[in-house]
Amino acid sequence: MAKRRIAYYLMTIPALFLFFAFHTFPALQGIFYSFTNWDGFSDGYSFVGLKNFINVFKDENVYNAYFFTFKYAIAATLLINVISLLIALGLNAKIKAKNFFRSVYFLPNVLGVLIVGYIFNYLFSNAFTIWGAKLGSDFLSQNILGNPDWAWVGIVIVGVWQGIAYNTILYLAGLQTIPADLYEASSLDGASKWREFWSITFPMLASFFTINMVLAMKGGLMIFDQIVALTGGGPGRSTQSIAHLIYTGGFTGGEFAYQSANAVIYFIVIVAISLFQIKVLQRREMDL
């Protein structure tokens, strides 16, 4: 028994140390520097109290980044969950080559986000514009990533394309837990497919719906890689997310302490939204 306990400690303590060293300690450092005026390069710094936090609320670039990030996160969360649920229902049906289609739909999840982003950047810049010109459409013949009003749509398309893979797997796992007896009973009662979905499938998937909504929203709020690969935050600052603003300002703009304060505030915002989502969606689970 003692040997087994030692083995558990040998597995747990190194993992705990690594987690603290590469996750918790840098986070605590960021909170510490948020109360200073350190630019990230100088040898010294001074404590400025809450000045950085106050200035964040006066920064127009921060407001623009918040607006874009929330617009992207809401659109991507809704589209990812609707599309992945529909795909999961299709893949759970009695169709041929089911395993082949499942592997195809999961493929975007194993590809690197930056690689996918650069591929779509090429498609938006070249292939799609050529196809749009052949169709005679002025709108489709332009690169939407270069349009301040439509660039965010291109980022949503890429984010949704890559995000539906993981959520589809979770919905598929949820569909496997629904007893077949329920569908047989509803079939004997003459229930329509829509009635079957709304009264059996959707309520039984409630907990998986909650998880997917929270994960998709969190991923949307933390969008960064797609921005780097597709637009770099442009045109102008029209597609600059909070994470991208923190990175560019903190590591290349000499605003390390200021952006650390921005990161602390944003961390609190994400935690608050996630807790709100969980509370609301879990209450909905009990109502179903």
C-alpha atoms as a PDB file:
ATOM      1  CA  MET A   1       0.000   0.000   0.000  1.00  0.00           C
ATOM      2  CA  ALA A   2       2.823   2.391   0.922  1.00  0.00           C
ATOM      3  CA  LYS A   3       4.655   1.605  -2.353  1.00  0.00           C
ATOM      4  CA  ARG A   4       1.504   2.324  -4.330  1.00  0.00           C
ATOM      5  CA  ARG A   5       1.066   5.637  -2.516  1.00  0.00           C
ATOM      6  CA  ILE A   6       4.677   6.595  -3.284  1.00  0.00           C
ATOM      7  CA  ALA A   7       4.092   5.803  -6.953  1.00  0.00           C
ATOM      8  CA  TYR A   8       1.081   8.129  -6.991  1.00  0.00           C
ATOM      9  CA  TYR A   9       3.153  10.904  -5.382  1.00  0.00           C
ATOM     10  CA  LEU A  10       5.944  10.385  -7.954  1.00  0.00           C
ATOM     11  CA  MET A  11       3.414  10.883 -10.741  1.00  0.00           C
ATOM     12  CA  THR A  12       1.524  13.780  -9.147  1.00  0.00           C
ATOM     13  CA  ILE A  13       4.222  16.003  -7.640  1.00  0.00           C
ATOM     14  CA  PRO A  14       6.293  16.529 -10.854  1.00  0.00           C
ATOM     15  CA  ALA A  15       3.101  17.369 -12.757  1.00  0.00           C
ATOM     16  CA  LEU A  16       2.083  19.787 -10.018  1.00  0.00           C
ATOM     17  CA  PHE A  17       5.522  21.417 -10.103  1.00  0.00           C
ATOM     18  CA  LEU A  18       5.469  21.794 -13.897  1.00  0.00           C
ATOM     19  CA  PHE A  19       1.936  23.214 -13.825  1.00  0.00           C
ATOM     20  CA  PHE A  20       2.951  25.777 -11.204  1.00  0.00           C
ATOM     21  CA  ALA A  21       6.213  26.660 -12.986  1.00  0.00           C
ATOM     22  CA  PHE A  22       4.770  27.150 -16.473  1.00  0.00           C
ATOM     23  CA  HIS A  23       1.193  28.226 -15.719  1.00  0.00           C
ATOM     24  CA  THR A  24       0.548  29.551 -12.218  1.00  0.00           C
ATOM     25  CA  PHE A  25       3.857  31.365 -11.646  1.00  0.00           C
ATOM     26  CA  PRO A  26       3.741  33.336 -14.963  1.00  0.00           C
ATOM     27  CA  ALA A  27       0.144  34.279 -14.199  1.00  0.00           C
ATOM     28  CA  LEU A  28       1.145  35.558 -10.753  1.00  0.00           C
ATOM     29  CA  GLN A  29       4.045  37.458 -12.360  1.00  0.00           C
ATOM     30  CA  GLY A  30       1.625  39.104 -14.788  1.00  0.00           C
ATOM     31  CA  ILE A  31      -0.625  40.200 -11.911  1.00  0.00           C
ATOM     32  CA  PHE A  32       2.430  41.614 -10.106  1.00  0.00           C
ATOM     33  CA  TYR A  33       3.668  43.598 -13.134  1.00  0.00           C
ATOM     34  CA  SER A  34       0.164  44.963 -13.782  1.00  0.00           C
ATOM     35  CA  PHE A  35       0.730  47.261 -10.779  1.00  0.00           C
ATOM     36  CA  THR A  36       3.996  48.622 -12.232  1.00  0.00           C
ATOM     37  CA  ASN A  37       5.107  50.717 -15.213  1.00  0.00           C
ATOM     38  CA  TRP A  38       7.519  48.113 -16.613  1.00  0.00           C
ATOM     39  CA  ASP A  39       7.747  48.217 -20.416  1.00  0.00           C
ATOM     40  CA  GLY A  40       9.104  44.673 -20.724  1.00  0.00           C
ATOM     41  CA  PHE A  41      12.637  45.712 -21.711  1.00  0.00           C
ATOM     42  CA  SER A  42      14.026  48.065 -19.062  1.00  0.00           C
ATOM     43  CA  ASP A  43      16.012  46.934 -16.039  1.00  0.00           C
ATOM     44  CA  GLY A  44      13.888  48.796 -13.519  1.00  0.00           C
ATOM     45  CA  TYR A  45      10.276  49.693 -12.853  1.00  0.00           C
ATOM     46  CA  SER A  46       8.119  51.604 -10.395  1.00  0.00           C
ATOM     47  CA  PHE A  47       4.829  50.759  -8.756  1.00  0.00           C
ATOM     48  CA  VAL A  48       1.899  52.781 -10.116  1.00  0.00           C
ATOM     49  CA  GLY A  49      -0.964  51.197  -8.178  1.00  0.00           C
ATOM     50  CA  LEU A  50      -4.243  50.942 -10.116  1.00  0.00           C
ATOM     51  CA  LYS A  51      -3.220  53.437 -12.816  1.00  0.00           C
ATOM     52  CA  ASN A  52      -2.922  50.748 -15.531  1.00  0.00           C
ATOM     53  CA  PHE A  53      -6.348  49.322 -14.689  1.00  0.00           C
ATOM     54  CA  ILE A  54      -7.955  52.779 -14.806  1.00  0.00           C
ATOM     55  CA  ASN A  55      -6.312  53.606 -18.150  1.00  0.00           C
ATOM     56  CA  VAL A  56      -7.593  50.344 -19.681  1.00  0.00           C
ATOM     57  CA  PHE A  57     -11.159  51.589 -19.240  1.00  0.00           C
ATOM     58  CA  LYS A  58     -10.253  54.827 -21.084  1.00  0.00           C
ATOM     59  CA  ASP A  59      -8.567  53.119 -24.053  1.00  0.00           C
ATOM     60  CA  GLU A  60     -10.541  53.217 -27.313  1.00  0.00           C
ATOM     61  CA  ASN A  61      -8.445  50.390 -28.807  1.00  0.00           C
ATOM     62  CA  VAL A  62      -9.479  48.157 -25.910  1.00  0.00           C
ATOM     63  CA  TYR A  63     -13.161  48.915 -26.549  1.00  0.00           C
ATOM     64  CA  ASN A  64     -12.748  48.127 -30.270  1.00  0.00           C
ATOM     65  CA  ALA A  65     -10.991  44.857 -29.424  1.00  0.00           C
ATOM     66  CA  TYR A  66     -13.737  43.892 -26.976  1.00  0.00           C
ATOM     67  CA  PHE A  67     -16.428  44.657 -29.583  1.00  0.00           C
ATOM     68  CA  PHE A  68     -14.761  42.505 -32.237  1.00  0.00           C
ATOM     69  CA  THR A  69     -13.991  39.668 -29.806  1.00  0.00           C
ATOM     70  CA  PHE A  70     -17.551  39.432 -28.468  1.00  0.00           C
ATOM     71  CA  LYS A  71     -19.022  39.714 -31.976  1.00  0.00           C
ATOM     72  CA  TYR A  72     -16.800  36.871 -33.143  1.00  0.00           C
ATOM     73  CA  ALA A  73     -17.351  34.735 -30.023  1.00  0.00           C
ATOM     74  CA  ILE A  74     -21.161  34.951 -30.136  1.00  0.00           C
ATOM     75  CA  ALA A  75     -21.363  34.231 -33.882  1.00  0.00           C
ATOM     76  CA  ALA A  76     -18.843  31.376 -33.721  1.00  0.00           C
ATOM     77  CA  THR A  77     -20.462  29.785 -30.638  1.00  0.00           C
ATOM     78  CA  LEU A  78     -23.918  29.702 -32.204  1.00  0.00           C
ATOM     79  CA  LEU A  79     -22.720  28.460 -35.607  1.00  0.00           C
ATOM     80  CA  ILE A  80     -20.359  25.842 -34.156  1.00  0.00           C
ATOM     81  CA  ASN A  81     -23.055  24.315 -31.953  1.00  0.00           C
ATOM     82  CA  VAL A  82     -25.814  24.329 -34.560  1.00  0.00           C
ATOM     83  CA  ILE A  83     -23.633  22.869 -37.327  1.00  0.00           C
ATOM     84  CA  SER A  84     -21.843  20.328 -35.127  1.00  0.00           C
ATOM     85  CA  LEU A  85     -25.158  19.105 -33.685  1.00  0.00           C
ATOM     86  CA  LEU A  86     -26.588  18.639 -37.193  1.00  0.00           C
ATOM     87  CA  ILE A  87     -23.447  16.791 -38.322  1.00  0.00           C
ATOM     88  CA  ALA A  88     -23.501  14.596 -35.210  1.00  0.00           C
ATOM     89  CA  LEU A  89     -27.142  13.666 -35.859  1.00  0.00           C
ATOM     90  CA  GLY A  90     -26.240  12.753 -39.435  1.00  0.00           C
ATOM     91  CA  LEU A  91     -23.202  10.719 -38.416  1.00  0.00           C
ATOM     92  CA  ASN A  92     -25.241   8.923 -35.745  1.00  0.00           C
ATOM     93  CA  ALA A  93     -27.826   7.776 -38.296  1.00  0.00           C
ATOM     94  CA  LYS A  94     -27.675   4.454 -40.093  1.00  0.00           C
ATOM     95  CA  ILE A  95     -25.610   5.537 -43.103  1.00  0.00           C
ATOM     96  CA  LYS A  96     -22.865   3.849 -45.088  1.00  0.00           C
ATOM     97  CA  ALA A  97     -19.185   4.803 -44.562  1.00  0.00           C
ATOM     98  CA  LYS A  98     -20.066   6.281 -41.170  1.00  0.00           C
ATOM     99  CA  ASN A  99     -16.550   5.882 -39.772  1.00  0.00           C
ATOM    100  CA  PHE A 100     -15.021   7.460 -42.884  1.00  0.00           C
ATOM    101  CA  PHE A 101     -17.206  10.561 -42.548  1.00  0.00           C
ATOM    102  CA  ARG A 102     -16.420  10.785 -38.817  1.00  0.00           C
ATOM    103  CA  SER A 103     -12.691  10.812 -39.524  1.00  0.00           C
ATOM    104  CA  VAL A 104     -13.141  13.427 -42.265  1.00  0.00           C
ATOM    105  CA  TYR A 105     -15.079  15.769 -39.977  1.00  0.00           C
ATOM    106  CA  PHE A 106     -12.544  15.324 -37.171  1.00  0.00           C
ATOM    107  CA  LEU A 107      -9.593  16.102 -39.468  1.00  0.00           C
ATOM    108  CA  PRO A 108      -9.727  19.931 -38.954  1.00  0.00           C
ATOM    109  CA  ASN A 109      -9.175  19.407 -35.221  1.00  0.00           C
ATOM    110  CA  VAL A 110      -5.776  17.753 -35.723  1.00  0.00           C
ATOM    111  CA  LEU A 111      -4.464  20.374 -38.147  1.00  0.00           C
ATOM    112  CA  GLY A 112      -2.458  23.289 -36.793  1.00  0.00           C
ATOM    113  CA  VAL A 113      -4.493  26.464 -36.385  1.00  0.00           C
ATOM    114  CA  LEU A 114      -1.810  28.629 -38.008  1.00  0.00           C
ATOM    115  CA  ILE A 115      -1.446  26.236 -40.954  1.00  0.00           C
ATOM    116  CA  VAL A 116      -5.199  26.242 -41.538  1.00  0.00           C
ATOM    117  CA  GLY A 117      -5.237  30.012 -41.208  1.00  0.00           C
ATOM    118  CA  TYR A 118      -2.501  30.533 -43.810  1.00  0.00           C
ATOM    119  CA  ILE A 119      -4.229  28.107 -46.204  1.00  0.00           C
ATOM    120  CA  PHE A 120      -7.514  29.992 -45.901  1.00  0.00           C
ATOM    121  CA  ASN A 121      -5.625  33.278 -46.255  1.00  0.00           C
ATOM    122  CA  TYR A 122      -4.408  32.053 -49.646  1.00  0.00           C
ATOM    123  CA  LEU A 123      -7.897  30.863 -50.601  1.00  0.00           C
ATOM    124  CA  PHE A 124      -9.544  34.159 -49.663  1.00  0.00           C
ATOM    125  CA  SER A 125      -6.825  36.152 -51.453  1.00  0.00           C
ATOM    126  CA  ASN A 126      -6.593  34.091 -54.633  1.00  0.00           C
ATOM    127  CA  ALA A 127      -8.892  31.126 -55.273  1.00  0.00           C
ATOM    128  CA  PHE A 128     -12.169  32.603 -53.998  1.00  0.00           C
ATOM    129  CA  THR A 129     -11.616  35.914 -55.796  1.00  0.00           C
ATOM    130  CA  ILE A 130     -11.026  34.095 -59.112  1.00  0.00           C
ATOM    131  CA  TRP A 131     -14.191  32.040 -58.648  1.00  0.00           C
ATOM    132  CA  GLY A 132     -16.122  35.194 -57.742  1.00  0.00           C
ATOM    133  CA  ALA A 133     -14.872  36.964 -60.874  1.00  0.00           C
ATOM    134  CA  LYS A 134     -15.922  34.011 -63.039  1.00  0.00           C
ATOM    135  CA  LEU A 135     -19.380  34.163 -61.461  1.00  0.00           C
ATOM    136  CA  GLY A 136     -19.550  37.870 -62.303  1.00  0.00           C
ATOM    137  CA  SER A 137     -19.961  38.949 -58.660  1.00  0.00           C
ATOM    138  CA  ASP A 138     -18.167  42.152 -57.641  1.00  0.00           C
ATOM    139  CA  PHE A 139     -18.508  41.248 -53.957  1.00  0.00           C
ATOM    140  CA  LEU A 140     -17.139  37.700 -54.274  1.00  0.00           C
ATOM    141  CA  SER A 141     -14.304  38.814 -56.550  1.00  0.00           C
ATOM    142  CA  GLN A 142     -12.741  40.890 -53.751  1.00  0.00           C
ATOM    143  CA  ASN A 143     -10.663  39.605 -50.851  1.00  0.00           C
ATOM    144  CA  ILE A 144     -12.989  39.995 -47.876  1.00  0.00           C
ATOM    145  CA  LEU A 145     -10.001  39.886 -45.502  1.00  0.00           C
ATOM    146  CA  GLY A 146      -9.005  43.269 -46.914  1.00  0.00           C
ATOM    147  CA  ASN A 147     -12.448  44.753 -46.304  1.00  0.00           C
ATOM    148  CA  PRO A 148     -12.856  46.349 -42.829  1.00  0.00           C
ATOM    149  CA  ASP A 149     -16.584  45.537 -42.804  1.00  0.00           C
ATOM    150  CA  TRP A 150     -16.345  41.885 -43.884  1.00  0.00           C
ATOM    151  CA  ALA A 151     -12.956  40.661 -42.675  1.00  0.00           C
ATOM    152  CA  TRP A 152     -14.467  39.367 -39.417  1.00  0.00           C
ATOM    153  CA  VAL A 153     -16.776  37.092 -41.452  1.00  0.00           C
ATOM    154  CA  GLY A 154     -13.747  35.391 -43.010  1.00  0.00           C
ATOM    155  CA  ILE A 155     -12.308  34.785 -39.536  1.00  0.00           C
ATOM    156  CA  VAL A 156     -15.646  33.361 -38.362  1.00  0.00           C
ATOM    157  CA  ILE A 157     -15.723  30.983 -41.349  1.00  0.00           C
ATOM    158  CA  VAL A 158     -12.257  29.627 -40.540  1.00  0.00           C
ATOM    159  CA  GLY A 159     -12.929  29.429 -36.787  1.00  0.00           C
ATOM    160  CA  VAL A 160     -16.221  27.592 -37.284  1.00  0.00           C
ATOM    161  CA  TRP A 161     -14.734  25.221 -39.869  1.00  0.00           C
ATOM    162  CA  GLN A 162     -12.063  24.175 -37.422  1.00  0.00           C
ATOM    163  CA  GLY A 163     -14.192  24.364 -34.266  1.00  0.00           C
ATOM    164  CA  ILE A 164     -17.045  22.069 -35.296  1.00  0.00           C
ATOM    165  CA  ALA A 165     -14.778  18.987 -35.299  1.00  0.00           C
ATOM    166  CA  TYR A 166     -14.314  18.761 -31.526  1.00  0.00           C
ATOM    167  CA  ASN A 167     -17.892  19.709 -30.716  1.00  0.00           C
ATOM    168  CA  THR A 168     -19.211  17.112 -33.163  1.00  0.00           C
ATOM    169  CA  ILE A 169     -17.283  14.410 -31.311  1.00  0.00           C
ATOM    170  CA  LEU A 170     -18.799  15.511 -27.997  1.00  0.00           C
ATOM    171  CA  TYR A 171     -22.325  15.529 -29.429  1.00  0.00           C
ATOM    172  CA  LEU A 172     -21.705  12.092 -30.955  1.00  0.00           C
ATOM    173  CA  ALA A 173     -20.609  10.807 -27.551  1.00  0.00           C
ATOM    174  CA  GLY A 174     -23.792  12.232 -26.068  1.00  0.00           C
ATOM    175  CA  LEU A 175     -25.982  10.579 -28.699  1.00  0.00           C
ATOM    176  CA  GLN A 176     -24.469   7.192 -27.815  1.00  0.00           C
ATOM    177  CA  THR A 177     -25.786   7.553 -24.240  1.00  0.00           C
ATOM    178  CA  ILE A 178     -29.460   7.860 -25.279  1.00  0.00           C
ATOM    179  CA  PRO A 179     -31.271   4.505 -24.821  1.00  0.00           C
ATOM    180  CA  ALA A 180     -32.695   3.098 -28.069  1.00  0.00           C
ATOM    181  CA  ASP A 181     -35.817   2.073 -26.138  1.00  0.00           C
ATOM    182  CA  LEU A 182     -36.920   5.707 -25.996  1.00  0.00           C
ATOM    183  CA  TYR A 183     -36.860   6.017 -29.792  1.00  0.00           C
ATOM    184  CA  GLU A 184     -38.699   2.698 -30.201  1.00  0.00           C
ATOM    185  CA  ALA A 185     -41.402   3.850 -27.790  1.00  0.00           C
ATOM    186  CA  SER A 186     -41.808   7.199 -29.547  1.00  0.00           C
ATOM    187  CA  SER A 187     -41.968   5.426 -32.909  1.00  0.00           C
ATOM    188  CA  LEU A 188     -44.784   3.203 -31.633  1.00  0.00           C
ATOM    189  CA  ASP A 189     -46.612   6.332 -30.422  1.00  0.00           C
ATOM    190  CA  GLY A 190     -46.326   7.799 -33.946  1.00  0.00           C
ATOM    191  CA  ALA A 191     -44.103  10.748 -32.970  1.00  0.00           C
ATOM    192  CA  SER A 192     -42.625  12.751 -35.832  1.00  0.00           C
ATOM    193  CA  LYS A 193     -38.833  13.136 -36.222  1.00  0.00           C
ATOM    194  CA  TRP A 194     -38.991  16.741 -35.054  1.00  0.00           C
ATOM    195  CA  ARG A 195     -41.067  15.755 -31.988  1.00  0.00           C
ATOM    196  CA  GLU A 196     -38.596  12.924 -31.308  1.00  0.00           C
ATOM    197  CA  PHE A 197     -35.670  15.342 -31.481  1.00  0.00           C
ATOM    198  CA  TRP A 198     -37.280  18.018 -29.338  1.00  0.00           C
ATOM    199  CA  SER A 199     -38.702  15.670 -26.660  1.00  0.00           C
ATOM    200  CA  ILE A 200     -35.967  13.007 -26.456  1.00  0.00           C
ATOM    201  CA  THR A 201     -32.717  13.867 -28.204  1.00  0.00           C
ATOM    202  CA  PHE A 202     -32.285  17.494 -27.186  1.00  0.00           C
ATOM    203  CA  PRO A 203     -33.197  17.038 -23.479  1.00  0.00           C
ATOM    204  CA  MET A 204     -30.900  13.996 -23.230  1.00  0.00           C
ATOM    205  CA  LEU A 205     -28.074  16.050 -24.774  1.00  0.00           C
ATOM    206  CA  ALA A 206     -28.585  18.950 -22.363  1.00  0.00           C
ATOM    207  CA  SER A 207     -25.398  18.385 -20.360  1.00  0.00           C
ATOM    208  CA  PHE A 208     -23.342  17.999 -23.562  1.00  0.00           C
ATOM    209  CA  PHE A 209     -24.949  21.157 -24.949  1.00  0.00           C
ATOM    210  CA  THR A 210     -23.858  23.027 -21.813  1.00  0.00           C
ATOM    211  CA  ILE A 211     -20.261  21.812 -22.131  1.00  0.00           C
ATOM    212  CA  ASN A 212     -20.087  22.620 -25.843  1.00  0.00           C
ATOM    213  CA  MET A 213     -21.547  26.108 -25.403  1.00  0.00           C
ATOM    214  CA  VAL A 214     -19.066  26.953 -22.643  1.00  0.00           C
ATOM    215  CA  LEU A 215     -16.066  25.544 -24.534  1.00  0.00           C
ATOM    216  CA  ALA A 216     -17.029  27.226 -27.805  1.00  0.00           C
ATOM    217  CA  MET A 217     -17.573  30.591 -26.116  1.00  0.00           C
ATOM    218  CA  LYS A 218     -14.286  30.332 -24.223  1.00  0.00           C
ATOM    219  CA  GLY A 219     -12.448  29.441 -27.432  1.00  0.00           C
ATOM    220  CA  GLY A 220     -14.087  32.355 -29.235  1.00  0.00           C
ATOM    221  CA  LEU A 221     -13.168  34.835 -26.510  1.00  0.00           C
ATOM    222  CA  MET A 222      -9.539  33.657 -26.638  1.00  0.00           C
ATOM    223  CA  ILE A 223      -9.169  33.819 -30.428  1.00  0.00           C
ATOM    224  CA  PHE A 224      -5.611  34.640 -31.436  1.00  0.00           C
ATOM    225  CA  ASP A 225      -4.023  32.249 -33.955  1.00  0.00           C
ATOM    226  CA  GLN A 226      -6.594  32.846 -36.697  1.00  0.00           C
ATOM    227  CA  ILE A 227      -6.080  36.599 -36.336  1.00  0.00           C
ATOM    228  CA  VAL A 228      -2.308  36.228 -36.760  1.00  0.00           C
ATOM    229  CA  ALA A 229      -2.632  34.014 -39.842  1.00  0.00           C
ATOM    230  CA  LEU A 230      -5.505  35.784 -41.594  1.00  0.00           C
ATOM    231  CA  THR A 231      -5.435  39.541 -40.954  1.00  0.00           C
ATOM    232  CA  GLY A 232      -2.876  40.447 -38.292  1.00  0.00           C
ATOM    233  CA  GLY A 233      -5.647  42.464 -36.650  1.00  0.00           C
ATOM    234  CA  GLY A 234      -6.384  44.550 -39.754  1.00  0.00           C
ATOM    235  CA  PRO A 235      -7.474  46.232 -41.897  1.00  0.00           C
ATOM    236  CA  GLY A 236      -6.696  48.987 -39.445  1.00  0.00           C
ATOM    237  CA  ARG A 237      -7.756  47.486 -36.118  1.00  0.00           C
ATOM    238  CA  SER A 238     -11.079  46.098 -37.363  1.00  0.00           C
ATOM    239  CA  THR A 239     -10.249  42.454 -36.497  1.00  0.00           C
ATOM    240  CA  GLN A 240      -7.980  42.919 -33.502  1.00  0.00           C
ATOM    241  CA  SER A 241      -9.055  40.653 -30.647  1.00  0.00           C
ATOM    242  CA  ILE A 242      -8.283  41.201 -26.978  1.00  0.00           C
ATOM    243  CA  ALA A 243      -5.680  38.409 -26.963  1.00  0.00           C
ATOM    244  CA  HIS A 244      -3.992  39.863 -30.065  1.00  0.00           C
ATOM    245  CA  LEU A 245      -4.002  43.358 -28.552  1.00  0.00           C
ATOM    246  CA  ILE A 246      -2.440  42.056 -25.324  1.00  0.00           C
ATOM    247  CA  TYR A 247       0.255  40.205 -27.279  1.00  0.00           C
ATOM    248  CA  THR A 248       1.185  42.980 -29.708  1.00  0.00           C
ATOM    249  CA  GLY A 249       1.047  45.736 -27.101  1.00  0.00           C
ATOM    250  CA  GLY A 250       2.761  43.745 -24.382  1.00  0.00           C
ATOM    251  CA  PHE A 251       5.598  42.113 -26.299  1.00  0.00           C
ATOM    252  CA  THR A 252       6.261  44.510 -29.181  1.00  0.00           C
ATOM    253  CA  GLY A 253       4.700  47.799 -28.106  1.00  0.00           C
ATOM    254  CA  GLY A 254       6.512  48.405 -24.807  1.00  0.00           C
ATOM    255  CA  GLU A 255       3.245  48.127 -22.833  1.00  0.00           C
ATOM    256  CA  PHE A 256       3.971  44.988 -20.824  1.00  0.00           C
ATOM    257  CA  ALA A 257       2.597  46.241 -17.500  1.00  0.00           C
ATOM    258  CA  TYR A 258      -0.362  48.014 -19.111  1.00  0.00           C
ATOM    259  CA  GLN A 259      -1.353  44.952 -21.158  1.00  0.00           C
ATOM    260  CA  SER A 260      -0.843  42.770 -18.074  1.00  0.00           C
ATOM    261  CA  ALA A 261      -3.569  44.843 -16.407  1.00  0.00           C
ATOM    262  CA  ASN A 262      -5.683  44.384 -19.531  1.00  0.00           C
ATOM    263  CA  ALA A 263      -5.087  40.620 -19.319  1.00  0.00           C
ATOM    264  CA  VAL A 264      -6.091  40.494 -15.643  1.00  0.00           C
ATOM    265  CA  ILE A 265      -9.362  42.296 -16.406  1.00  0.00           C
ATOM    266  CA  TYR A 266     -10.033  40.040 -19.387  1.00  0.00           C
ATOM    267  CA  PHE A 267      -9.356  36.919 -17.298  1.00  0.00           C
ATOM    268  CA  ILE A 268     -12.012  38.079 -14.830  1.00  0.00           C
ATOM    269  CA  VAL A 269     -14.433  38.756 -17.699  1.00  0.00           C
ATOM    270  CA  ILE A 270     -13.950  35.250 -19.175  1.00  0.00           C
ATOM    271  CA  VAL A 271     -14.399  33.568 -15.784  1.00  0.00           C
ATOM    272  CA  ALA A 272     -17.563  35.607 -15.113  1.00  0.00           C
ATOM    273  CA  ILE A 273     -19.047  34.747 -18.526  1.00  0.00           C
ATOM    274  CA  SER A 274     -18.210  31.042 -18.149  1.00  0.00           C
ATOM    275  CA  LEU A 275     -19.805  30.879 -14.677  1.00  0.00           C
ATOM    276  CA  PHE A 276     -22.881  32.748 -15.958  1.00  0.00           C
ATOM    277  CA  GLN A 277     -23.205  30.357 -18.885  1.00  0.00           C
ATOM    278  CA  ILE A 278     -22.887  27.296 -16.658  1.00  0.00           C
ATOM    279  CA  LYS A 279     -25.460  28.616 -14.186  1.00  0.00           C
ATOM    280  CA  VAL A 280     -28.021  29.525 -16.863  1.00  0.00           C
ATOM    281  CA  LEU A 281     -27.564  26.376 -18.937  1.00  0.00           C
ATOM    282  CA  GLN A 282     -27.606  24.050 -15.926  1.00  0.00           C
ATOM    283  CA  ARG A 283     -30.872  25.660 -14.812  1.00  0.00           C
ATOM    284  CA  ARG A 284     -32.208  24.974 -18.306  1.00  0.00           C
ATOM    285  CA  GLU A 285     -31.121  21.337 -17.965  1.00  0.00           C
ATOM    286  CA  MET A 286     -33.331  20.968 -14.889  1.00  0.00           C
ATOM    287  CA  ASP A 287     -36.288  22.560 -16.716  1.00  0.00           C
ATOM    288  CA  LEU A 288     -36.111  20.092 -19.595  1.00  0.00           C
END
